[in-house]
Amino acid sequence: MTFIEFKKLLLDAELTIPKFTALIKVSEKNIQSYKKKEQVPNAIAAVAACFAKMNQEGIDYKTLINDLDLIKKEKKGAGFSSKKKDKK
């Protein structure tokens, strides 16, 4: 699925990218990176399509997803803010 098709599905689901990422507990930066690739992974496309269809059918998918108590994974790499030990 193209990124444009993905965004149209989000509109059908009455979601913005920030709201979508908050709902499914993924990084907004991660989803925005698909814009450059012009393709959205199958799993993300399937979720967006389901949300759009559920919204069209009047199903409260937001409560359903929130009830899953999804946990956002935090990046555990060595970034610029990490403290480095002094080498002596």
N, C-alpha and C. Protein backbone atom coordinates (compact mmCIF):
# COMPACT_ATOMS: atom_id res chain seq x y z
N MET A 1 0.84 -1.17 0.00
CA MET A 1 0.00 0.00 0.00
C MET A 1 0.89 1.24 0.00
N THR A 2 0.49 2.22 -0.77
CA THR A 2 1.27 3.46 -0.82
C THR A 2 0.98 4.29 0.43
N PHE A 3 1.87 5.21 0.72
CA PHE A 3 1.70 6.09 1.87
C PHE A 3 0.45 6.97 1.70
N ILE A 4 0.18 7.38 0.47
CA ILE A 4 -1.01 8.20 0.20
C ILE A 4 -2.29 7.41 0.48
N GLU A 5 -2.33 6.15 0.04
CA GLU A 5 -3.49 5.30 0.33
C GLU A 5 -3.66 5.11 1.84
N PHE A 6 -2.54 4.95 2.52
CA PHE A 6 -2.55 4.81 3.99
C PHE A 6 -3.17 6.04 4.65
N LYS A 7 -2.74 7.22 4.22
CA LYS A 7 -3.27 8.46 4.80
C LYS A 7 -4.76 8.61 4.53
N LYS A 8 -5.22 8.16 3.36
CA LYS A 8 -6.65 8.21 3.05
C LYS A 8 -7.44 7.30 3.99
N LEU A 9 -6.87 6.13 4.31
CA LEU A 9 -7.53 5.23 5.26
C LEU A 9 -7.61 5.87 6.65
N LEU A 10 -6.55 6.57 7.03
CA LEU A 10 -6.58 7.25 8.32
C LEU A 10 -7.68 8.30 8.35
N LEU A 11 -7.85 9.02 7.25
CA LEU A 11 -8.95 9.99 7.17
C LEU A 11 -10.30 9.30 7.32
N ASP A 12 -10.45 8.15 6.67
CA ASP A 12 -11.69 7.38 6.78
C ASP A 12 -11.93 6.90 8.21
N ALA A 13 -10.83 6.68 8.94
CA ALA A 13 -10.92 6.25 10.33
C ALA A 13 -11.00 7.43 11.29
N GLU A 14 -11.00 8.65 10.72
CA GLU A 14 -11.02 9.88 11.49
C GLU A 14 -9.82 9.98 12.43
N LEU A 15 -8.64 9.66 11.88
CA LEU A 15 -7.39 9.71 12.62
C LEU A 15 -6.36 10.53 11.88
N THR A 16 -5.48 11.17 12.64
CA THR A 16 -4.29 11.79 12.09
C THR A 16 -3.13 10.84 12.37
N ILE A 17 -1.99 11.08 11.77
CA ILE A 17 -0.84 10.22 12.05
C ILE A 17 -0.47 10.26 13.53
N PRO A 18 -0.41 11.44 14.17
CA PRO A 18 -0.09 11.44 15.61
C PRO A 18 -1.11 10.66 16.45
N LYS A 19 -2.40 10.77 16.12
CA LYS A 19 -3.42 10.03 16.87
C LYS A 19 -3.31 8.53 16.61
N PHE A 20 -3.02 8.16 15.36
CA PHE A 20 -2.84 6.75 15.01
C PHE A 20 -1.66 6.15 15.78
N THR A 21 -0.54 6.85 15.79
CA THR A 21 0.65 6.32 16.46
C THR A 21 0.45 6.24 17.97
N ALA A 22 -0.27 7.21 18.54
CA ALA A 22 -0.57 7.16 19.98
C ALA A 22 -1.48 5.98 20.31
N LEU A 23 -2.44 5.72 19.42
CA LEU A 23 -3.38 4.63 19.64
C LEU A 23 -2.71 3.27 19.60
N ILE A 24 -1.84 3.06 18.61
CA ILE A 24 -1.21 1.74 18.48
C ILE A 24 0.16 1.68 19.16
N LYS A 25 0.55 2.75 19.82
CA LYS A 25 1.78 2.82 20.63
C LYS A 25 3.04 2.54 19.81
N VAL A 26 3.18 3.24 18.70
CA VAL A 26 4.41 3.19 17.92
C VAL A 26 4.93 4.61 17.73
N SER A 27 6.17 4.72 17.37
CA SER A 27 6.79 6.03 17.18
C SER A 27 6.23 6.72 15.94
N GLU A 28 5.90 8.00 16.10
CA GLU A 28 5.43 8.77 14.95
C GLU A 28 6.53 8.86 13.90
N LYS A 29 7.77 8.96 14.35
CA LYS A 29 8.91 9.02 13.44
C LYS A 29 8.98 7.75 12.58
N ASN A 30 8.68 6.64 13.18
CA ASN A 30 8.67 5.36 12.47
C ASN A 30 7.65 5.38 11.33
N ILE A 31 6.44 5.83 11.61
CA ILE A 31 5.39 5.88 10.59
C ILE A 31 5.74 6.91 9.52
N GLN A 32 6.26 8.06 9.94
CA GLN A 32 6.63 9.10 8.97
C GLN A 32 7.74 8.63 8.03
N SER A 33 8.59 7.71 8.48
CA SER A 33 9.68 7.21 7.63
C SER A 33 9.15 6.47 6.40
N TYR A 34 7.93 5.95 6.49
CA TYR A 34 7.35 5.24 5.34
C TYR A 34 7.00 6.20 4.21
N LYS A 35 6.89 7.48 4.54
CA LYS A 35 6.60 8.48 3.51
C LYS A 35 7.72 8.52 2.47
N LYS A 36 8.97 8.45 2.94
CA LYS A 36 10.11 8.46 2.02
C LYS A 36 10.17 7.18 1.20
N LYS A 37 9.81 6.07 1.83
CA LYS A 37 9.83 4.78 1.13
C LYS A 37 8.65 4.63 0.19
N GLU A 38 7.63 5.47 0.41
CA GLU A 38 6.40 5.49 -0.38
C GLU A 38 5.55 4.24 -0.22
N GLN A 39 5.94 3.34 0.65
CA GLN A 39 5.18 2.12 0.90
C GLN A 39 5.01 1.94 2.40
N VAL A 40 3.88 1.40 2.80
CA VAL A 40 3.60 1.13 4.20
C VAL A 40 3.63 -0.39 4.37
N PRO A 41 4.25 -0.87 5.46
CA PRO A 41 4.27 -2.32 5.69
C PRO A 41 2.86 -2.91 5.77
N ASN A 42 2.75 -4.16 5.39
CA ASN A 42 1.45 -4.83 5.35
C ASN A 42 0.70 -4.75 6.67
N ALA A 43 1.39 -4.96 7.78
CA ALA A 43 0.72 -4.97 9.09
C ALA A 43 0.11 -3.60 9.41
N ILE A 44 0.85 -2.54 9.14
CA ILE A 44 0.36 -1.19 9.39
C ILE A 44 -0.82 -0.87 8.45
N ALA A 45 -0.70 -1.28 7.20
CA ALA A 45 -1.78 -1.06 6.22
C ALA A 45 -3.04 -1.82 6.65
N ALA A 46 -2.88 -3.04 7.13
CA ALA A 46 -4.03 -3.85 7.55
C ALA A 46 -4.72 -3.21 8.76
N VAL A 47 -3.95 -2.71 9.70
CA VAL A 47 -4.53 -2.05 10.87
C VAL A 47 -5.31 -0.81 10.45
N ALA A 48 -4.73 0.01 9.59
CA ALA A 48 -5.41 1.22 9.13
C ALA A 48 -6.70 0.87 8.39
N ALA A 49 -6.66 -0.17 7.55
CA ALA A 49 -7.86 -0.58 6.81
C ALA A 49 -8.95 -1.06 7.76
N CYS A 50 -8.56 -1.81 8.78
CA CYS A 50 -9.54 -2.28 9.77
C CYS A 50 -10.15 -1.12 10.54
N PHE A 51 -9.32 -0.16 10.94
CA PHE A 51 -9.83 1.01 11.65
C PHE A 51 -10.82 1.78 10.78
N ALA A 52 -10.50 1.95 9.51
CA ALA A 52 -11.38 2.67 8.59
C ALA A 52 -12.73 1.95 8.44
N LYS A 53 -12.68 0.65 8.27
CA LYS A 53 -13.91 -0.15 8.11
C LYS A 53 -14.73 -0.14 9.39
N MET A 54 -14.06 -0.29 10.53
CA MET A 54 -14.78 -0.28 11.81
C MET A 54 -15.46 1.07 12.03
N ASN A 55 -14.76 2.15 11.70
CA ASN A 55 -15.34 3.47 11.85
C ASN A 55 -16.56 3.63 10.95
N GLN A 56 -16.45 3.12 9.72
CA GLN A 56 -17.56 3.18 8.76
C GLN A 56 -18.78 2.40 9.28
N GLU A 57 -18.51 1.30 9.99
CA GLU A 57 -19.59 0.46 10.53
C GLU A 57 -20.08 0.93 11.89
N GLY A 58 -19.49 2.01 12.41
CA GLY A 58 -19.92 2.54 13.70
C GLY A 58 -19.38 1.79 14.90
N ILE A 59 -18.31 1.05 14.71
CA ILE A 59 -17.69 0.29 15.81
C ILE A 59 -16.67 1.18 16.52
N ASP A 60 -16.73 1.20 17.83
CA ASP A 60 -15.81 2.01 18.63
C ASP A 60 -14.46 1.28 18.76
N TYR A 61 -13.66 1.36 17.72
CA TYR A 61 -12.38 0.65 17.71
C TYR A 61 -11.36 1.28 18.66
N LYS A 62 -11.50 2.57 18.94
CA LYS A 62 -10.52 3.25 19.81
C LYS A 62 -10.56 2.68 21.23
N THR A 63 -11.76 2.46 21.75
CA THR A 63 -11.89 1.86 23.08
C THR A 63 -11.37 0.43 23.06
N LEU A 64 -11.69 -0.28 22.00
CA LEU A 64 -11.22 -1.67 21.86
C LEU A 64 -9.70 -1.74 21.91
N ILE A 65 -9.03 -0.86 21.17
CA ILE A 65 -7.56 -0.85 21.14
C ILE A 65 -7.00 -0.37 22.48
N ASN A 66 -7.59 0.66 23.06
CA ASN A 66 -7.11 1.15 24.36
C ASN A 66 -7.23 0.08 25.45
N ASP A 67 -8.26 -0.75 25.36
CA ASP A 67 -8.46 -1.82 26.35
C ASP A 67 -7.39 -2.90 26.26
N LEU A 68 -6.63 -2.92 25.18
CA LEU A 68 -5.55 -3.91 25.05
C LEU A 68 -4.34 -3.56 25.92
N ASP A 69 -4.30 -2.33 26.42
CA ASP A 69 -3.17 -1.86 27.24
C ASP A 69 -1.83 -2.10 26.55
N LEU A 70 -1.76 -1.69 25.29
CA LEU A 70 -0.51 -1.82 24.54
C LEU A 70 0.58 -1.00 25.21
N ILE A 71 1.81 -1.45 25.09
CA ILE A 71 2.95 -0.76 25.68
C ILE A 71 3.87 -0.29 24.57
N LYS A 72 4.21 0.99 24.63
CA LYS A 72 5.13 1.55 23.64
C LYS A 72 6.54 1.09 23.97
N LYS A 73 7.21 0.54 22.98
CA LYS A 73 8.59 0.10 23.17
C LYS A 73 9.51 1.30 23.09
N GLU A 74 10.42 1.37 24.02
CA GLU A 74 11.39 2.46 24.04
C GLU A 74 12.70 1.98 23.44
N LYS A 75 13.33 2.84 22.69
CA LYS A 75 14.61 2.52 22.06
C LYS A 75 15.67 2.45 23.14
N LYS A 76 16.47 1.40 23.14
CA LYS A 76 17.48 1.23 24.17
C LYS A 76 18.89 1.29 23.61
N GLY A 77 19.08 2.05 22.55
CA GLY A 77 20.41 2.17 21.95
C GLY A 77 21.24 3.21 22.66
N ALA A 78 22.50 3.27 22.30
CA ALA A 78 23.40 4.28 22.85
C ALA A 78 23.23 5.55 22.04
N GLY A 79 22.56 6.50 22.61
CA GLY A 79 22.32 7.75 21.91
C GLY A 79 23.24 8.84 22.40
N PHE A 80 23.01 10.03 21.93
CA PHE A 80 23.83 11.17 22.32
C PHE A 80 23.67 11.51 23.79
N SER A 81 22.52 11.20 24.35
CA SER A 81 22.26 11.57 25.73
C SER A 81 22.76 10.53 26.73
N SER A 82 23.23 9.39 26.26
CA SER A 82 23.69 8.36 27.19
C SER A 82 25.02 8.76 27.81
N LYS A 83 25.18 8.36 29.06
CA LYS A 83 26.43 8.68 29.76
C LYS A 83 27.46 7.60 29.45
N LYS A 84 28.65 8.06 29.13
CA LYS A 84 29.73 7.12 28.81
C LYS A 84 30.70 7.06 29.98
N LYS A 85 31.20 5.86 30.25
CA LYS A 85 32.17 5.69 31.32
C LYS A 85 33.53 6.20 30.87
N ASP A 86 34.24 6.80 31.80
CA ASP A 86 35.59 7.28 31.50
C ASP A 86 36.54 6.10 31.36
N LYS A 87 37.33 6.12 30.31
CA LYS A 87 38.32 5.05 30.11
C LYS A 87 39.65 5.53 30.67
N LYS A 88 40.20 4.79 31.62
CA LYS A 88 41.49 5.18 32.24
C LYS A 88 42.47 4.05 32.17
